[in-house]
Amino acid sequence: TCVVRTNGAVLCFGWNQVGQLGDGTFDSRAEPRTVETLPPVASVGVGQNHACALTRTGTVFCWGYNGLGQLGAPTPTESYPRPVEVEG
């Protein structure tokens, strides 16, 4: 689960087997943790194994499972435990 605060910060918690919380770890969390490397966010969308955030300037960042390249990341790494900017 992820939420956007009024200041644009994103906090996530829950299962984190493939880095989908965006906190740089693979540790599951019962309490919300801030996704530290994001600029202010307008909205966030989450799936079972990944999340993506639309920033207030229109840039998109994603994190979590990327085994099929679904995050739009610049390199085909299986998991991104921190946000990576989507190309294009």
Protein backbone atom coordinates (compact mmCIF):
# COMPACT_ATOMS: atom_id res chain seq x y z
CA THR A 1 0.00 0.00 0.00
CA CYS A 2 1.22 3.51 -0.80
CA VAL A 3 -0.22 6.94 -0.05
CA VAL A 4 0.60 10.49 -1.15
CA ARG A 5 0.72 13.15 1.53
CA THR A 6 -0.43 16.72 0.82
CA ASN A 7 3.24 17.81 0.61
CA GLY A 8 3.83 15.29 -2.23
CA ALA A 9 5.73 12.72 -0.16
CA VAL A 10 4.97 9.03 -0.81
CA LEU A 11 4.77 6.52 2.05
CA CYS A 12 4.48 2.76 1.50
CA PHE A 13 4.03 -0.32 3.68
CA GLY A 14 3.24 -4.01 3.35
CA TRP A 15 4.90 -6.94 1.62
CA ASN A 16 8.27 -6.07 0.01
CA GLN A 17 9.73 -9.27 -1.47
CA VAL A 18 10.80 -7.57 -4.72
CA GLY A 19 11.37 -3.99 -3.51
CA GLN A 20 7.86 -2.70 -4.20
CA LEU A 21 7.91 -0.38 -1.18
CA GLY A 22 10.64 1.76 -2.77
CA ASP A 23 12.63 2.17 0.46
CA GLY A 24 15.78 0.55 -0.92
CA THR A 25 15.27 -2.74 0.94
CA PHE A 26 13.47 -6.04 0.49
CA ASP A 27 12.12 -5.96 4.07
CA SER A 28 8.35 -6.04 4.54
CA ARG A 29 6.99 -3.20 6.69
CA ALA A 30 3.95 -2.97 8.98
CA GLU A 31 4.41 0.80 9.35
CA PRO A 32 4.56 3.33 6.48
CA ARG A 33 8.04 4.33 5.28
CA THR A 34 8.83 7.35 3.12
CA VAL A 35 10.06 6.71 -0.42
CA GLU A 36 13.07 9.00 0.00
CA THR A 37 14.31 9.68 -3.52
CA LEU A 38 11.13 11.07 -5.10
CA PRO A 39 10.40 14.70 -5.94
CA PRO A 40 6.90 15.91 -4.92
CA VAL A 41 4.27 13.51 -6.28
CA ALA A 42 0.75 14.18 -7.59
CA SER A 43 -0.47 10.56 -7.61
CA VAL A 44 0.71 7.00 -7.09
CA GLY A 45 -0.51 3.71 -8.51
CA VAL A 46 0.37 0.32 -7.05
CA GLY A 47 0.21 -3.28 -8.17
CA GLN A 48 1.09 -6.46 -6.32
CA ASN A 49 4.78 -6.24 -7.18
CA HIS A 50 5.46 -2.65 -8.22
CA ALA A 51 4.40 0.97 -7.87
CA CYS A 52 4.60 4.06 -10.07
CA ALA A 53 4.32 7.73 -9.16
CA LEU A 54 3.46 10.74 -11.30
CA THR A 55 5.37 13.77 -10.06
CA ARG A 56 3.92 17.25 -9.94
CA THR A 57 6.14 18.17 -12.91
CA GLY A 58 4.87 15.27 -15.06
CA THR A 59 7.77 12.84 -14.67
CA VAL A 60 6.99 9.21 -13.84
CA PHE A 61 9.03 7.04 -11.47
CA CYS A 62 8.50 3.32 -10.82
CA TRP A 63 9.95 0.73 -8.44
CA GLY A 64 9.58 -2.95 -7.60
CA TYR A 65 9.55 -6.00 -9.88
CA ASN A 66 10.84 -5.44 -13.42
CA GLY A 67 11.47 -8.98 -14.67
CA LEU A 68 9.65 -8.28 -17.94
CA GLY A 69 10.76 -4.65 -18.30
CA GLN A 70 7.35 -3.36 -17.19
CA LEU A 71 8.77 -0.42 -15.22
CA GLY A 72 10.17 1.32 -18.30
CA ALA A 73 13.57 1.45 -16.58
CA PRO A 74 16.75 2.18 -18.53
CA THR A 75 18.33 -1.20 -17.76
CA PRO A 76 16.63 -4.62 -17.56
CA THR A 77 17.26 -5.29 -13.86
CA GLU A 78 14.84 -7.75 -12.23
CA SER A 79 13.98 -5.52 -9.26
CA TYR A 80 14.36 -1.85 -8.44
CA PRO A 81 14.00 -1.31 -4.67
CA ARG A 82 14.27 2.47 -5.21
CA PRO A 83 12.41 4.62 -7.72
CA VAL A 84 13.79 4.83 -11.23
CA GLU A 85 12.67 7.39 -13.78
CA VAL A 86 10.64 5.99 -16.65
CA GLU A 87 12.21 6.70 -20.04
CA GLY A 88 10.25 8.23 -22.88
